[in-house]
PDB file of all heavy atoms in Angstrom:
ATOM      1  N   TYR A   1     -41.755  39.156 -11.998  1.00  0.00           N
ATOM      2  CA  TYR A   1     -40.678  39.902 -11.364  1.00  0.00           C
ATOM      3  C   TYR A   1     -40.796  39.862  -9.839  1.00  0.00           C
ATOM      4  O   TYR A   1     -39.817  39.635  -9.131  1.00  0.00           O
ATOM      5  CB  TYR A   1     -40.666  41.351 -11.855  1.00  0.00           C
ATOM      6  CG  TYR A   1     -39.529  42.146 -11.289  1.00  0.00           C
ATOM      7  CD1 TYR A   1     -38.265  42.083 -11.856  1.00  0.00           C
ATOM      8  CD2 TYR A   1     -39.696  42.934 -10.157  1.00  0.00           C
ATOM      9  CE1 TYR A   1     -37.207  42.789 -11.327  1.00  0.00           C
ATOM     10  CE2 TYR A   1     -38.644  43.645  -9.619  1.00  0.00           C
ATOM     11  CZ  TYR A   1     -37.408  43.571 -10.213  1.00  0.00           C
ATOM     12  OH  TYR A   1     -36.359  44.264  -9.672  1.00  0.00           O
ATOM     13  N   VAL A   2     -42.009  40.077  -9.338  1.00  0.00           N
ATOM     14  CA  VAL A   2     -42.219  40.059  -7.890  1.00  0.00           C
ATOM     15  C   VAL A   2     -41.907  38.675  -7.330  1.00  0.00           C
ATOM     16  O   VAL A   2     -41.292  38.537  -6.270  1.00  0.00           O
ATOM     17  CB  VAL A   2     -43.666  40.492  -7.541  1.00  0.00           C
ATOM     18  CG1 VAL A   2     -43.986  40.227  -6.084  1.00  0.00           C
ATOM     19  CG2 VAL A   2     -43.866  41.956  -7.867  1.00  0.00           C
ATOM     20  N   HIS A   3     -42.316  37.639  -8.041  1.00  0.00           N
ATOM     21  CA  HIS A   3     -42.033  36.273  -7.598  1.00  0.00           C
ATOM     22  C   HIS A   3     -40.531  36.024  -7.556  1.00  0.00           C
ATOM     23  O   HIS A   3     -40.007  35.463  -6.593  1.00  0.00           O
ATOM     24  CB  HIS A   3     -42.716  35.282  -8.542  1.00  0.00           C
ATOM     25  CG  HIS A   3     -42.591  33.870  -8.119  1.00  0.00           C
ATOM     26  ND1 HIS A   3     -43.320  33.338  -7.081  1.00  0.00           N
ATOM     27  CD2 HIS A   3     -41.801  32.869  -8.572  1.00  0.00           C
ATOM     28  CE1 HIS A   3     -42.994  32.069  -6.924  1.00  0.00           C
ATOM     29  NE2 HIS A   3     -42.073  31.769  -7.814  1.00  0.00           N
ATOM     30  N   ALA A   4     -39.837  36.472  -8.588  1.00  0.00           N
ATOM     31  CA  ALA A   4     -38.391  36.245  -8.661  1.00  0.00           C
ATOM     32  C   ALA A   4     -37.627  37.089  -7.645  1.00  0.00           C
ATOM     33  O   ALA A   4     -36.525  36.712  -7.241  1.00  0.00           O
ATOM     34  CB  ALA A   4     -37.887  36.559 -10.067  1.00  0.00           C
ATOM     35  N   MET A   5     -38.211  38.205  -7.217  1.00  0.00           N
ATOM     36  CA  MET A   5     -37.542  39.062  -6.235  1.00  0.00           C
ATOM     37  C   MET A   5     -37.166  38.288  -4.980  1.00  0.00           C
ATOM     38  O   MET A   5     -36.105  38.479  -4.408  1.00  0.00           O
ATOM     39  CB  MET A   5     -38.489  40.193  -5.823  1.00  0.00           C
ATOM     40  CG  MET A   5     -38.065  41.543  -6.284  1.00  0.00           C
ATOM     41  SD  MET A   5     -39.269  42.850  -5.989  1.00  0.00           S
ATOM     42  CE  MET A   5     -39.897  42.577  -4.385  1.00  0.00           C
ATOM     43  N   HIS A   6     -38.051  37.400  -4.543  1.00  0.00           N
ATOM     44  CA  HIS A   6     -37.825  36.686  -3.294  1.00  0.00           C
ATOM     45  C   HIS A   6     -37.466  35.221  -3.492  1.00  0.00           C
ATOM     46  O   HIS A   6     -37.099  34.560  -2.537  1.00  0.00           O
ATOM     47  CB  HIS A   6     -39.082  36.782  -2.410  1.00  0.00           C
ATOM     48  CG  HIS A   6     -39.400  38.180  -2.027  1.00  0.00           C
ATOM     49  ND1 HIS A   6     -40.557  38.799  -2.413  1.00  0.00           N
ATOM     50  CD2 HIS A   6     -38.705  39.092  -1.317  1.00  0.00           C
ATOM     51  CE1 HIS A   6     -40.566  40.035  -1.949  1.00  0.00           C
ATOM     52  NE2 HIS A   6     -39.451  40.234  -1.271  1.00  0.00           N
ATOM     53  N   ARG A   7     -37.595  34.702  -4.701  1.00  0.00           N
ATOM     54  CA  ARG A   7     -37.389  33.268  -4.901  1.00  0.00           C
ATOM     55  C   ARG A   7     -36.452  32.924  -6.052  1.00  0.00           C
ATOM     56  O   ARG A   7     -36.519  31.833  -6.581  1.00  0.00           O
ATOM     57  CB  ARG A   7     -38.735  32.595  -5.142  1.00  0.00           C
ATOM     58  CG  ARG A   7     -39.654  32.692  -3.973  1.00  0.00           C
ATOM     59  CD  ARG A   7     -40.923  31.948  -4.259  1.00  0.00           C
ATOM     60  NE  ARG A   7     -41.819  32.044  -3.145  1.00  0.00           N
ATOM     61  CZ  ARG A   7     -41.989  31.092  -2.241  1.00  0.00           C
ATOM     62  NH1 ARG A   7     -41.332  29.974  -2.340  1.00  0.00           N
ATOM     63  NH2 ARG A   7     -42.826  31.258  -1.254  1.00  0.00           N
ATOM     64  N   MET A   8     -35.600  33.838  -6.451  1.00  0.00           N
ATOM     65  CA  MET A   8     -34.739  33.577  -7.603  1.00  0.00           C
ATOM     66  C   MET A   8     -33.821  32.375  -7.356  1.00  0.00           C
ATOM     67  O   MET A   8     -33.640  31.538  -8.224  1.00  0.00           O
ATOM     68  CB  MET A   8     -33.912  34.812  -7.947  1.00  0.00           C
ATOM     69  CG  MET A   8     -33.084  34.632  -9.205  1.00  0.00           C
ATOM     70  SD  MET A   8     -34.065  34.202 -10.646  1.00  0.00           S
ATOM     71  CE  MET A   8     -34.608  35.786 -11.147  1.00  0.00           C
ATOM     72  N   TRP A   9     -33.264  32.287  -6.160  1.00  0.00           N
ATOM     73  CA  TRP A   9     -32.373  31.165  -5.869  1.00  0.00           C
ATOM     74  C   TRP A   9     -33.136  29.849  -5.970  1.00  0.00           C
ATOM     75  O   TRP A   9     -32.653  28.882  -6.563  1.00  0.00           O
ATOM     76  CB  TRP A   9     -31.772  31.316  -4.466  1.00  0.00           C
ATOM     77  CG  TRP A   9     -30.813  30.236  -4.149  1.00  0.00           C
ATOM     78  CD1 TRP A   9     -29.486  30.223  -4.460  1.00  0.00           C
ATOM     79  CD2 TRP A   9     -31.108  29.002  -3.500  1.00  0.00           C
ATOM     80  NE1 TRP A   9     -28.942  29.037  -4.016  1.00  0.00           N
ATOM     81  CE2 TRP A   9     -29.914  28.274  -3.436  1.00  0.00           C
ATOM     82  CE3 TRP A   9     -32.249  28.427  -2.972  1.00  0.00           C
ATOM     83  CZ2 TRP A   9     -29.830  27.017  -2.862  1.00  0.00           C
ATOM     84  CZ3 TRP A   9     -32.174  27.185  -2.401  1.00  0.00           C
ATOM     85  CH2 TRP A   9     -30.966  26.494  -2.351  1.00  0.00           C
ATOM     86  N   GLN A  10     -34.341  29.810  -5.407  1.00  0.00           N
ATOM     87  CA  GLN A  10     -35.149  28.592  -5.446  1.00  0.00           C
ATOM     88  C   GLN A  10     -35.524  28.226  -6.883  1.00  0.00           C
ATOM     89  O   GLN A  10     -35.474  27.062  -7.262  1.00  0.00           O
ATOM     90  CB  GLN A  10     -36.409  28.772  -4.614  1.00  0.00           C
ATOM     91  CG  GLN A  10     -37.316  27.563  -4.637  1.00  0.00           C
ATOM     92  CD  GLN A  10     -38.653  27.820  -3.977  1.00  0.00           C
ATOM     93  OE1 GLN A  10     -38.974  28.945  -3.623  1.00  0.00           O
ATOM     94  NE2 GLN A  10     -39.439  26.781  -3.826  1.00  0.00           N
ATOM     95  N   MET A  11     -35.888  29.220  -7.674  1.00  0.00           N
ATOM     96  CA  MET A  11     -36.271  28.958  -9.065  1.00  0.00           C
ATOM     97  C   MET A  11     -35.077  28.397  -9.846  1.00  0.00           C
ATOM     98  O   MET A  11     -35.209  27.439 -10.614  1.00  0.00           O
ATOM     99  CB  MET A  11     -36.800  30.236  -9.712  1.00  0.00           C
ATOM    100  CG  MET A  11     -38.128  30.690  -9.126  1.00  0.00           C
ATOM    101  SD  MET A  11     -38.611  32.381  -9.542  1.00  0.00           S
ATOM    102  CE  MET A  11     -38.544  32.385 -11.307  1.00  0.00           C
ATOM    103  N   ASP A  12     -33.900  28.985  -9.658  1.00  0.00           N
ATOM    104  CA  ASP A  12     -32.706  28.515 -10.346  1.00  0.00           C
ATOM    105  C   ASP A  12     -32.331  27.109  -9.897  1.00  0.00           C
ATOM    106  O   ASP A  12     -32.028  26.240 -10.710  1.00  0.00           O
ATOM    107  CB  ASP A  12     -31.546  29.481 -10.088  1.00  0.00           C
ATOM    108  CG  ASP A  12     -30.274  29.045 -10.771  1.00  0.00           C
ATOM    109  OD1 ASP A  12     -30.317  28.815 -11.997  1.00  0.00           O
ATOM    110  OD2 ASP A  12     -29.236  28.923 -10.086  1.00  0.00           O
ATOM    111  N   PHE A  13     -32.380  26.874  -8.591  1.00  0.00           N
ATOM    112  CA  PHE A  13     -32.011  25.569  -8.041  1.00  0.00           C
ATOM    113  C   PHE A  13     -32.975  24.486  -8.524  1.00  0.00           C
ATOM    114  O   PHE A  13     -32.556  23.383  -8.887  1.00  0.00           O
ATOM    115  CB  PHE A  13     -31.995  25.633  -6.509  1.00  0.00           C
ATOM    116  CG  PHE A  13     -31.226  24.525  -5.869  1.00  0.00           C
ATOM    117  CD1 PHE A  13     -29.854  24.589  -5.757  1.00  0.00           C
ATOM    118  CD2 PHE A  13     -31.879  23.413  -5.369  1.00  0.00           C
ATOM    119  CE1 PHE A  13     -29.137  23.572  -5.161  1.00  0.00           C
ATOM    120  CE2 PHE A  13     -31.174  22.385  -4.773  1.00  0.00           C
ATOM    121  CZ  PHE A  13     -29.799  22.463  -4.671  1.00  0.00           C
ATOM    122  N   SER A  14     -34.287  24.773  -8.570  1.00  0.00           N
ATOM    123  CA  SER A  14     -35.284  23.805  -9.023  1.00  0.00           C
ATOM    124  C   SER A  14     -35.073  23.448 -10.490  1.00  0.00           C
ATOM    125  O   SER A  14     -35.199  22.287 -10.885  1.00  0.00           O
ATOM    126  CB  SER A  14     -36.694  24.350  -8.821  1.00  0.00           C
ATOM    127  OG  SER A  14     -36.950  24.563  -7.469  1.00  0.00           O
ATOM    128  N   THR A  15     -34.763  24.444 -11.306  1.00  0.00           N
ATOM    129  CA  THR A  15     -34.505  24.194 -12.722  1.00  0.00           C
ATOM    130  C   THR A  15     -33.280  23.312 -12.895  1.00  0.00           C
ATOM    131  O   THR A  15     -33.295  22.346 -13.673  1.00  0.00           O
ATOM    132  CB  THR A  15     -34.300  25.526 -13.468  1.00  0.00           C
ATOM    133  OG1 THR A  15     -35.441  26.346 -13.261  1.00  0.00           O
ATOM    134  CG2 THR A  15     -34.084  25.301 -14.939  1.00  0.00           C
ATOM    135  N   ARG A  16     -32.223  23.637 -12.170  1.00  0.00           N
ATOM    136  CA  ARG A  16     -31.007  22.818 -12.261  1.00  0.00           C
ATOM    137  C   ARG A  16     -31.251  21.393 -11.757  1.00  0.00           C
ATOM    138  O   ARG A  16     -30.725  20.438 -12.315  1.00  0.00           O
ATOM    139  CB  ARG A  16     -29.878  23.459 -11.463  1.00  0.00           C
ATOM    140  CG  ARG A  16     -29.323  24.709 -12.093  1.00  0.00           C
ATOM    141  CD  ARG A  16     -28.244  25.307 -11.198  1.00  0.00           C
ATOM    142  NE  ARG A  16     -27.861  26.621 -11.612  1.00  0.00           N
ATOM    143  CZ  ARG A  16     -26.744  26.896 -12.281  1.00  0.00           C
ATOM    144  NH1 ARG A  16     -25.918  25.931 -12.608  1.00  0.00           N
ATOM    145  NH2 ARG A  16     -26.462  28.132 -12.608  1.00  0.00           N
ATOM    146  N   ALA A  17     -32.059  21.248 -10.709  1.00  0.00           N
ATOM    147  CA  ALA A  17     -32.350  19.916 -10.175  1.00  0.00           C
ATOM    148  C   ALA A  17     -33.110  19.082 -11.197  1.00  0.00           C
ATOM    149  O   ALA A  17     -32.816  17.904 -11.386  1.00  0.00           O
ATOM    150  CB  ALA A  17     -33.152  20.022  -8.884  1.00  0.00           C
ATOM    151  N   ALA A  18     -34.076  19.657 -11.875  1.00  0.00           N
ATOM    152  CA  ALA A  18     -34.848  18.919 -12.872  1.00  0.00           C
ATOM    153  C   ALA A  18     -33.992  18.511 -14.058  1.00  0.00           C
ATOM    154  O   ALA A  18     -34.186  17.436 -14.638  1.00  0.00           O
ATOM    155  CB  ALA A  18     -36.027  19.760 -13.340  1.00  0.00           C
ATOM    156  N   GLU A  19     -33.038  19.349 -14.425  1.00  0.00           N
ATOM    157  CA  GLU A  19     -32.170  19.059 -15.565  1.00  0.00           C
ATOM    158  C   GLU A  19     -30.989  18.166 -15.203  1.00  0.00           C
ATOM    159  O   GLU A  19     -30.279  17.700 -16.082  1.00  0.00           O
ATOM    160  CB  GLU A  19     -31.635  20.361 -16.165  1.00  0.00           C
ATOM    161  CG  GLU A  19     -32.687  21.209 -16.825  1.00  0.00           C
ATOM    162  CD  GLU A  19     -32.125  22.503 -17.375  1.00  0.00           C
ATOM    163  OE1 GLU A  19     -30.930  22.805 -17.137  1.00  0.00           O
ATOM    164  OE2 GLU A  19     -32.873  23.216 -18.048  1.00  0.00           O
ATOM    165  N   GLY A  20     -30.734  17.958 -13.920  1.00  0.00           N
ATOM    166  CA  GLY A  20     -29.577  17.163 -13.504  1.00  0.00           C
ATOM    167  C   GLY A  20     -28.295  17.965 -13.545  1.00  0.00           C
ATOM    168  O   GLY A  20     -27.269  17.478 -14.001  1.00  0.00           O
ATOM    169  N   ARG A  21     -28.349  19.209 -13.070  1.00  0.00           N
ATOM    170  CA  ARG A  21     -27.184  20.095 -13.100  1.00  0.00           C
ATOM    171  C   ARG A  21     -26.834  20.649 -11.720  1.00  0.00           C
ATOM    172  O   ARG A  21     -26.203  21.688 -11.611  1.00  0.00           O
ATOM    173  CB  ARG A  21     -27.456  21.252 -14.068  1.00  0.00           C
ATOM    174  CG  ARG A  21     -27.634  20.817 -15.491  1.00  0.00           C
ATOM    175  CD  ARG A  21     -28.027  21.958 -16.430  1.00  0.00           C
ATOM    176  NE  ARG A  21     -27.262  23.156 -16.172  1.00  0.00           N
ATOM    177  CZ  ARG A  21     -27.781  24.382 -16.242  1.00  0.00           C
ATOM    178  NH1 ARG A  21     -29.038  24.558 -16.536  1.00  0.00           N
ATOM    179  NH2 ARG A  21     -27.030  25.430 -16.009  1.00  0.00           N
ATOM    180  N   ILE A  22     -27.209  19.965 -10.656  1.00  0.00           N
ATOM    181  CA  ILE A  22     -26.934  20.436  -9.294  1.00  0.00           C
ATOM    182  C   ILE A  22     -25.435  20.404  -8.982  1.00  0.00           C
ATOM    183  O   ILE A  22     -24.930  21.238  -8.249  1.00  0.00           O
ATOM    184  CB  ILE A  22     -27.721  19.593  -8.259  1.00  0.00           C
ATOM    185  CG1 ILE A  22     -29.208  19.853  -8.418  1.00  0.00           C
ATOM    186  CG2 ILE A  22     -27.294  19.894  -6.841  1.00  0.00           C
ATOM    187  CD1 ILE A  22     -29.650  21.242  -8.066  1.00  0.00           C
ATOM    188  N   SER A  23     -24.723  19.466  -9.561  1.00  0.00           N
ATOM    189  CA  SER A  23     -23.290  19.364  -9.273  1.00  0.00           C
ATOM    190  C   SER A  23     -22.514  20.591  -9.759  1.00  0.00           C
ATOM    191  O   SER A  23     -21.400  20.820  -9.313  1.00  0.00           O
ATOM    192  CB  SER A  23     -22.710  18.091  -9.880  1.00  0.00           C
ATOM    193  OG  SER A  23     -22.900  18.079 -11.272  1.00  0.00           O
ATOM    194  N   GLU A  24     -23.094  21.394 -10.652  1.00  0.00           N
ATOM    195  CA  GLU A  24     -22.441  22.634 -11.060  1.00  0.00           C
ATOM    196  C   GLU A  24     -22.322  23.592  -9.885  1.00  0.00           C
ATOM    197  O   GLU A  24     -21.412  24.412  -9.832  1.00  0.00           O
ATOM    198  CB  GLU A  24     -23.241  23.315 -12.176  1.00  0.00           C
ATOM    199  CG  GLU A  24     -23.263  22.549 -13.467  1.00  0.00           C
ATOM    200  CD  GLU A  24     -24.171  23.194 -14.505  1.00  0.00           C
ATOM    201  OE1 GLU A  24     -24.711  24.286 -14.247  1.00  0.00           O
ATOM    202  OE2 GLU A  24     -24.332  22.601 -15.579  1.00  0.00           O
ATOM    203  N   ILE A  25     -23.244  23.501  -8.951  1.00  0.00           N
ATOM    204  CA  ILE A  25     -23.247  24.386  -7.788  1.00  0.00           C
ATOM    205  C   ILE A  25     -22.580  23.715  -6.593  1.00  0.00           C
ATOM    206  O   ILE A  25     -21.699  24.285  -5.955  1.00  0.00           O
ATOM    207  CB  ILE A  25     -24.693  24.768  -7.395  1.00  0.00           C
ATOM    208  CG1 ILE A  25     -25.378  25.489  -8.539  1.00  0.00           C
ATOM    209  CG2 ILE A  25     -24.708  25.631  -6.147  1.00  0.00           C
ATOM    210  CD1 ILE A  25     -26.852  25.685  -8.330  1.00  0.00           C
ATOM    211  N   ILE A  26     -23.014  22.499  -6.285  1.00  0.00           N
ATOM    212  CA  ILE A  26     -22.590  21.821  -5.060  1.00  0.00           C
ATOM    213  C   ILE A  26     -21.251  21.121  -5.222  1.00  0.00           C
ATOM    214  O   ILE A  26     -20.446  21.084  -4.313  1.00  0.00           O
ATOM    215  CB  ILE A  26     -23.683  20.832  -4.606  1.00  0.00           C
ATOM    216  CG1 ILE A  26     -24.937  21.617  -4.253  1.00  0.00           C
ATOM    217  CG2 ILE A  26     -23.221  19.994  -3.439  1.00  0.00           C
ATOM    218  CD1 ILE A  26     -26.106  20.770  -3.875  1.00  0.00           C
ATOM    219  N   GLY A  27     -21.022  20.535  -6.366  1.00  0.00           N
ATOM    220  CA  GLY A  27     -19.780  19.814  -6.592  1.00  0.00           C
ATOM    221  C   GLY A  27     -20.019  18.322  -6.755  1.00  0.00           C
ATOM    222  O   GLY A  27     -21.119  17.871  -7.071  1.00  0.00           O
ATOM    223  N   GLU A  28     -18.973  17.549  -6.512  1.00  0.00           N
ATOM    224  CA  GLU A  28     -19.010  16.111  -6.766  1.00  0.00           C
ATOM    225  C   GLU A  28     -20.008  15.360  -5.892  1.00  0.00           C
ATOM    226  O   GLU A  28     -20.414  14.257  -6.238  1.00  0.00           O
ATOM    227  CB  GLU A  28     -17.615  15.515  -6.570  1.00  0.00           C
ATOM    228  CG  GLU A  28     -16.634  15.948  -7.634  1.00  0.00           C
ATOM    229  CD  GLU A  28     -15.294  15.262  -7.483  1.00  0.00           C
ATOM    230  OE1 GLU A  28     -15.242  14.180  -6.853  1.00  0.00           O
ATOM    231  OE2 GLU A  28     -14.304  15.810  -7.990  1.00  0.00           O
ATOM    232  N   LYS A  29     -20.426  15.934  -4.786  1.00  0.00           N
ATOM    233  CA  LYS A  29     -21.379  15.257  -3.899  1.00  0.00           C
ATOM    234  C   LYS A  29     -22.709  14.988  -4.597  1.00  0.00           C
ATOM    235  O   LYS A  29     -23.428  14.076  -4.219  1.00  0.00           O
ATOM    236  CB  LYS A  29     -21.638  16.097  -2.650  1.00  0.00           C
ATOM    237  CG  LYS A  29     -20.452  16.228  -1.745  1.00  0.00           C
ATOM    238  CD  LYS A  29     -20.795  17.085  -0.541  1.00  0.00           C
ATOM    239  CE  LYS A  29     -19.600  17.257   0.355  1.00  0.00           C
ATOM    240  NZ  LYS A  29     -19.893  18.078   1.521  1.00  0.00           N
ATOM    241  N   ALA A  30     -23.041  15.784  -5.602  1.00  0.00           N
ATOM    242  CA  ALA A  30     -24.346  15.671  -6.251  1.00  0.00           C
ATOM    243  C   ALA A  30     -24.298  14.922  -7.576  1.00  0.00           C
ATOM    244  O   ALA A  30     -25.294  14.890  -8.296  1.00  0.00           O
ATOM    245  CB  ALA A  30     -24.926  17.058  -6.467  1.00  0.00           C
ATOM    246  N   LEU A  31     -23.188  14.291  -7.906  1.00  0.00           N
ATOM    247  CA  LEU A  31     -23.070  13.617  -9.203  1.00  0.00           C
ATOM    248  C   LEU A  31     -24.070  12.474  -9.362  1.00  0.00           C
ATOM    249  O   LEU A  31     -24.694  12.335 -10.427  1.00  0.00           O
ATOM    250  CB  LEU A  31     -21.646  13.103  -9.417  1.00  0.00           C
ATOM    251  CG  LEU A  31     -20.643  14.154  -9.882  1.00  0.00           C
ATOM    252  CD1 LEU A  31     -19.246  13.545  -9.988  1.00  0.00           C
ATOM    253  CD2 LEU A  31     -21.052  14.767 -11.196  1.00  0.00           C
ATOM    254  N   GLU A  32     -24.252  11.678  -8.345  1.00  0.00           N
ATOM    255  CA  GLU A  32     -25.211  10.567  -8.446  1.00  0.00           C
ATOM    256  C   GLU A  32     -26.634  11.085  -8.619  1.00  0.00           C
ATOM    257  O   GLU A  32     -27.414  10.525  -9.390  1.00  0.00           O
ATOM    258  CB  GLU A  32     -25.117   9.655  -7.210  1.00  0.00           C
ATOM    259  CG  GLU A  32     -23.861   8.817  -7.172  1.00  0.00           C
ATOM    260  CD  GLU A  32     -23.704   7.943  -8.424  1.00  0.00           C
ATOM    261  OE1 GLU A  32     -24.690   7.328  -8.860  1.00  0.00           O
ATOM    262  OE2 GLU A  32     -22.583   7.890  -8.952  1.00  0.00           O
ATOM    263  N   PHE A  33     -26.972  12.151  -7.914  1.00  0.00           N
ATOM    264  CA  PHE A  33     -28.292  12.769  -8.064  1.00  0.00           C
ATOM    265  C   PHE A  33     -28.479  13.252  -9.508  1.00  0.00           C
ATOM    266  O   PHE A  33     -29.521  13.020 -10.127  1.00  0.00           O
ATOM    267  CB  PHE A  33     -28.427  13.940  -7.087  1.00  0.00           C
ATOM    268  CG  PHE A  33     -29.709  14.700  -7.219  1.00  0.00           C
ATOM    269  CD1 PHE A  33     -30.860  14.252  -6.610  1.00  0.00           C
ATOM    270  CD2 PHE A  33     -29.761  15.866  -7.968  1.00  0.00           C
ATOM    271  CE1 PHE A  33     -32.050  14.945  -6.736  1.00  0.00           C
ATOM    272  CE2 PHE A  33     -30.935  16.570  -8.099  1.00  0.00           C
ATOM    273  CZ  PHE A  33     -32.084  16.109  -7.485  1.00  0.00           C
ATOM    274  N   ASP A  34     -27.452  13.922 -10.046  1.00  0.00           N
ATOM    275  CA  ASP A  34     -27.527  14.420 -11.418  1.00  0.00           C
ATOM    276  C   ASP A  34     -27.665  13.282 -12.429  1.00  0.00           C
ATOM    277  O   ASP A  34     -28.447  13.380 -13.387  1.00  0.00           O
ATOM    278  CB  ASP A  34     -26.289  15.252 -11.752  1.00  0.00           C
ATOM    279  CG  ASP A  34     -26.320  16.628 -11.105  1.00  0.00           C
ATOM    280  OD1 ASP A  34     -27.379  17.002 -10.571  1.00  0.00           O
ATOM    281  OD2 ASP A  34     -25.289  17.322 -11.147  1.00  0.00           O
ATOM    282  N   LYS A  35     -26.921  12.211 -12.226  1.00  0.00           N
ATOM    283  CA  LYS A  35     -27.015  11.074 -13.137  1.00  0.00           C
ATOM    284  C   LYS A  35     -28.425  10.485 -13.144  1.00  0.00           C
ATOM    285  O   LYS A  35     -28.969  10.160 -14.205  1.00  0.00           O
ATOM    286  CB  LYS A  35     -26.001   9.989 -12.744  1.00  0.00           C
ATOM    287  CG  LYS A  35     -24.570  10.367 -13.045  1.00  0.00           C
ATOM    288  CD  LYS A  35     -23.627   9.273 -12.566  1.00  0.00           C
ATOM    289  CE  LYS A  35     -22.188   9.664 -12.745  1.00  0.00           C
ATOM    290  NZ  LYS A  35     -21.265   8.639 -12.224  1.00  0.00           N
ATOM    291  N   THR A  36     -29.016  10.368 -11.970  1.00  0.00           N
ATOM    292  CA  THR A  36     -30.385   9.846 -11.873  1.00  0.00           C
ATOM    293  C   THR A  36     -31.371  10.753 -12.595  1.00  0.00           C
ATOM    294  O   THR A  36     -32.227  10.284 -13.347  1.00  0.00           O
ATOM    295  CB  THR A  36     -30.791   9.705 -10.394  1.00  0.00           C
ATOM    296  OG1 THR A  36     -29.849   8.867  -9.732  1.00  0.00           O
ATOM    297  CG2 THR A  36     -32.178   9.135 -10.257  1.00  0.00           C
ATOM    298  N   LYS A  37     -31.260  12.047 -12.383  1.00  0.00           N
ATOM    299  CA  LYS A  37     -32.168  12.993 -13.031  1.00  0.00           C
ATOM    300  C   LYS A  37     -31.989  12.993 -14.547  1.00  0.00           C
ATOM    301  O   LYS A  37     -32.961  13.088 -15.297  1.00  0.00           O
ATOM    302  CB  LYS A  37     -31.943  14.412 -12.493  1.00  0.00           C
ATOM    303  CG  LYS A  37     -32.443  14.595 -11.101  1.00  0.00           C
ATOM    304  CD  LYS A  37     -33.959  14.483 -11.070  1.00  0.00           C
ATOM    305  CE  LYS A  37     -34.486  14.763  -9.694  1.00  0.00           C
ATOM    306  NZ  LYS A  37     -35.923  14.804  -9.637  1.00  0.00           N
ATOM    307  N   ARG A  38     -30.753  12.905 -15.007  1.00  0.00           N
ATOM    308  CA  ARG A  38     -30.518  12.895 -16.455  1.00  0.00           C
ATOM    309  C   ARG A  38     -31.038  11.610 -17.097  1.00  0.00           C
ATOM    310  O   ARG A  38     -31.496  11.624 -18.230  1.00  0.00           O
ATOM    311  CB  ARG A  38     -29.041  13.101 -16.751  1.00  0.00           C
ATOM    312  CG  ARG A  38     -28.616  14.520 -16.465  1.00  0.00           C
ATOM    313  CD  ARG A  38     -27.207  14.788 -16.868  1.00  0.00           C
ATOM    314  NE  ARG A  38     -26.849  16.150 -16.500  1.00  0.00           N
ATOM    315  CZ  ARG A  38     -25.846  16.797 -17.032  1.00  0.00           C
ATOM    316  NH1 ARG A  38     -25.089  16.230 -17.934  1.00  0.00           N
ATOM    317  NH2 ARG A  38     -25.589  18.028 -16.647  1.00  0.00           N
ATOM    318  N   ARG A  39     -30.963  10.489 -16.359  1.00  0.00           N
ATOM    319  CA  ARG A  39     -31.527   9.238 -16.891  1.00  0.00           C
ATOM    320  C   ARG A  39     -33.035   9.346 -17.082  1.00  0.00           C
ATOM    321  O   ARG A  39     -33.601   8.752 -17.984  1.00  0.00           O
ATOM    322  CB  ARG A  39     -31.209   8.074 -15.952  1.00  0.00           C
ATOM    323  CG  ARG A  39     -29.837   7.510 -16.148  1.00  0.00           C
ATOM    324  CD  ARG A  39     -29.635   6.242 -15.314  1.00  0.00           C
ATOM    325  NE  ARG A  39     -28.261   6.193 -14.899  1.00  0.00           N
ATOM    326  CZ  ARG A  39     -27.823   6.307 -13.648  1.00  0.00           C
ATOM    327  NH1 ARG A  39     -28.674   6.439 -12.663  1.00  0.00           N
ATOM    328  NH2 ARG A  39     -26.557   6.266 -13.377  1.00  0.00           N
ATOM    329  N   LYS A  40     -33.694  10.095 -16.207  1.00  0.00           N
ATOM    330  CA  LYS A  40     -35.144  10.270 -16.323  1.00  0.00           C
ATOM    331  C   LYS A  40     -35.517  11.133 -17.521  1.00  0.00           C
ATOM    332  O   LYS A  40     -36.631  11.027 -18.024  1.00  0.00           O
ATOM    333  CB  LYS A  40     -35.702  10.895 -15.041  1.00  0.00           C
ATOM    334  CG  LYS A  40     -35.644   9.957 -13.864  1.00  0.00           C
ATOM    335  CD  LYS A  40     -36.207  10.592 -12.619  1.00  0.00           C
ATOM    336  CE  LYS A  40     -36.108   9.632 -11.450  1.00  0.00           C
ATOM    337  NZ  LYS A  40     -36.627  10.220 -10.212  1.00  0.00           N
ATOM    338  N   GLY A  41     -34.622  11.998 -17.974  1.00  0.00           N
ATOM    339  CA  GLY A  41     -34.836  12.775 -19.184  1.00  0.00           C
ATOM    340  C   GLY A  41     -35.895  13.858 -19.080  1.00  0.00           C
ATOM    341  O   GLY A  41     -36.624  14.109 -20.038  1.00  0.00           O
TER     342      GLY A  41
END
């Protein structure tokens, strides 16, 4: 809880980046990044 108090945005963003879901937040600019991450599985 204490960790999430100050880093919730970072934790959420890191999870989305690993899964290839950054374009849900940023938009079409991140589609190529998401495709690369999803290919890595």
